[in-house]
Amino acid sequence: MPLRHKSAQKRARQTKKITDRNKKIKALIKGTVKKVIETKDKETAVKEFKQTTKILDRAAAKGVIHKKKAANVKSKLAKRINKAK
């Protein structure tokens, strides 16, 4: 059933655009976190961690994820890197 009001149609378009953007960013986050976890070399892991941190902070600033979730993910990754030999 098509939406009748122009404002409802616009809202539907905006929601779709925002949802698509959020999905892309969340997929990017998952990929970069996985890279950090799977990296065996500590130096490489630290470089990947810096990139992941930037992505997490940007996602939190845009409201894709909550800022405390970003902080929790960064904390867990930092602990894992520091524990690695």
C-alpha atoms as a PDB file:
ATOM      1  CA  MET A   1       0.000   0.000   0.000  1.00  0.00           C
ATOM      2  CA  PRO A   2       1.633   3.245  -1.085  1.00  0.00           C
ATOM      3  CA  LEU A   3       1.977   6.060   1.400  1.00  0.00           C
ATOM      4  CA  ARG A   4      -0.455   8.891   0.765  1.00  0.00           C
ATOM      5  CA  HIS A   5       1.149  11.859   2.475  1.00  0.00           C
ATOM      6  CA  LYS A   6       4.199  13.512   0.997  1.00  0.00           C
ATOM      7  CA  SER A   7       5.792  13.761   4.415  1.00  0.00           C
ATOM      8  CA  ALA A   8       5.353  10.015   4.974  1.00  0.00           C
ATOM      9  CA  GLN A   9       6.913   9.274   1.583  1.00  0.00           C
ATOM     10  CA  LYS A  10       9.878  11.506   2.362  1.00  0.00           C
ATOM     11  CA  ARG A  11      10.291   9.942   5.788  1.00  0.00           C
ATOM     12  CA  ALA A  12      10.332   6.473   4.193  1.00  0.00           C
ATOM     13  CA  ARG A  13      13.049   7.571   1.744  1.00  0.00           C
ATOM     14  CA  GLN A  14      15.128   9.066   4.553  1.00  0.00           C
ATOM     15  CA  THR A  15      14.753   5.967   6.702  1.00  0.00           C
ATOM     16  CA  LYS A  16      15.933   3.736   3.866  1.00  0.00           C
ATOM     17  CA  LYS A  17      18.967   5.934   3.194  1.00  0.00           C
ATOM     18  CA  ILE A  18      19.920   6.069   6.892  1.00  0.00           C
ATOM     19  CA  THR A  19      19.412   2.321   7.329  1.00  0.00           C
ATOM     20  CA  ASP A  20      21.649   1.550   4.359  1.00  0.00           C
ATOM     21  CA  ARG A  21      24.362   3.862   5.690  1.00  0.00           C
ATOM     22  CA  ASN A  22      24.186   2.302   9.152  1.00  0.00           C
ATOM     23  CA  LYS A  23      24.447  -1.224   7.727  1.00  0.00           C
ATOM     24  CA  LYS A  24      27.569  -0.309   5.757  1.00  0.00           C
ATOM     25  CA  ILE A  25      29.229   1.283   8.774  1.00  0.00           C
ATOM     26  CA  LYS A  26      28.355  -1.647  11.064  1.00  0.00           C
ATOM     27  CA  ALA A  27      29.741  -4.108   8.513  1.00  0.00           C
ATOM     28  CA  LEU A  28      32.927  -2.032   8.320  1.00  0.00           C
ATOM     29  CA  ILE A  29      33.211  -2.090  12.118  1.00  0.00           C
ATOM     30  CA  LYS A  30      32.773  -5.864  12.263  1.00  0.00           C
ATOM     31  CA  GLY A  31      35.409  -6.365   9.579  1.00  0.00           C
ATOM     32  CA  THR A  32      38.021  -4.139  11.196  1.00  0.00           C
ATOM     33  CA  VAL A  33      37.431  -5.648  14.650  1.00  0.00           C
ATOM     34  CA  LYS A  34      37.869  -9.103  13.162  1.00  0.00           C
ATOM     35  CA  LYS A  35      41.153  -8.001  11.532  1.00  0.00           C
ATOM     36  CA  VAL A  36      42.493  -6.843  14.900  1.00  0.00           C
ATOM     37  CA  ILE A  37      41.450 -10.082  16.602  1.00  0.00           C
ATOM     38  CA  GLU A  38      42.897 -12.373  13.928  1.00  0.00           C
ATOM     39  CA  THR A  39      46.221 -10.541  13.599  1.00  0.00           C
ATOM     40  CA  LYS A  40      49.063 -12.500  15.184  1.00  0.00           C
ATOM     41  CA  ASP A  41      51.764  -9.793  14.970  1.00  0.00           C
ATOM     42  CA  LYS A  42      51.474  -7.210  17.754  1.00  0.00           C
ATOM     43  CA  GLU A  43      52.751  -4.266  15.660  1.00  0.00           C
ATOM     44  CA  THR A  44      50.249  -4.957  12.902  1.00  0.00           C
ATOM     45  CA  ALA A  45      47.504  -5.368  15.481  1.00  0.00           C
ATOM     46  CA  VAL A  46      48.306  -1.947  16.932  1.00  0.00           C
ATOM     47  CA  LYS A  47      48.064  -0.342  13.463  1.00  0.00           C
ATOM     48  CA  GLU A  48      44.741  -2.071  12.817  1.00  0.00           C
ATOM     49  CA  PHE A  49      43.560  -1.020  16.279  1.00  0.00           C
ATOM     50  CA  LYS A  50      44.199   2.650  15.470  1.00  0.00           C
ATOM     51  CA  GLN A  51      42.110   2.397  12.293  1.00  0.00           C
ATOM     52  CA  THR A  52      39.354   0.561  14.158  1.00  0.00           C
ATOM     53  CA  THR A  53      39.335   3.252  16.842  1.00  0.00           C
ATOM     54  CA  LYS A  54      38.806   5.970  14.236  1.00  0.00           C
ATOM     55  CA  ILE A  55      35.945   4.062  12.651  1.00  0.00           C
ATOM     56  CA  LEU A  56      34.289   3.374  16.021  1.00  0.00           C
ATOM     57  CA  ASP A  57      34.561   7.017  17.087  1.00  0.00           C
ATOM     58  CA  ARG A  58      33.098   8.224  13.792  1.00  0.00           C
ATOM     59  CA  ALA A  59      30.215   5.746  14.048  1.00  0.00           C
ATOM     60  CA  ALA A  60      29.506   6.844  17.623  1.00  0.00           C
ATOM     61  CA  ALA A  61      29.578  10.512  16.616  1.00  0.00           C
ATOM     62  CA  LYS A  62      27.074   9.894  13.810  1.00  0.00           C
ATOM     63  CA  GLY A  63      24.799   7.899  16.110  1.00  0.00           C
ATOM     64  CA  VAL A  64      25.212   4.588  14.321  1.00  0.00           C
ATOM     65  CA  ILE A  65      26.305   2.964  17.595  1.00  0.00           C
ATOM     66  CA  HIS A  66      26.185   4.249  21.149  1.00  0.00           C
ATOM     67  CA  LYS A  67      29.310   6.033  22.393  1.00  0.00           C
ATOM     68  CA  LYS A  68      29.629   3.655  25.357  1.00  0.00           C
ATOM     69  CA  LYS A  69      29.461   0.643  23.044  1.00  0.00           C
ATOM     70  CA  ALA A  70      32.326   2.123  21.049  1.00  0.00           C
ATOM     71  CA  ALA A  71      34.275   2.604  24.268  1.00  0.00           C
ATOM     72  CA  ASN A  72      33.587  -0.986  25.358  1.00  0.00           C
ATOM     73  CA  VAL A  73      34.746  -2.433  22.032  1.00  0.00           C
ATOM     74  CA  LYS A  74      37.928  -0.321  22.090  1.00  0.00           C
ATOM     75  CA  SER A  75      38.620  -1.387  25.670  1.00  0.00           C
ATOM     76  CA  LYS A  76      38.215  -5.095  24.923  1.00  0.00           C
ATOM     77  CA  LEU A  77      40.455  -4.849  21.849  1.00  0.00           C
ATOM     78  CA  ALA A  78      43.125  -2.948  23.806  1.00  0.00           C
ATOM     79  CA  LYS A  79      43.086  -5.600  26.548  1.00  0.00           C
ATOM     80  CA  ARG A  80      43.455  -8.348  23.937  1.00  0.00           C
ATOM     81  CA  ILE A  81      46.383  -6.595  22.241  1.00  0.00           C
ATOM     82  CA  ASN A  82      48.151  -5.894  25.537  1.00  0.00           C
ATOM     83  CA  LYS A  83      47.698  -9.508  26.636  1.00  0.00           C
ATOM     84  CA  ALA A  84      49.176 -10.828  23.370  1.00  0.00           C
ATOM     85  CA  LYS A  85      52.853 -11.684  23.264  1.00  0.00           C
END
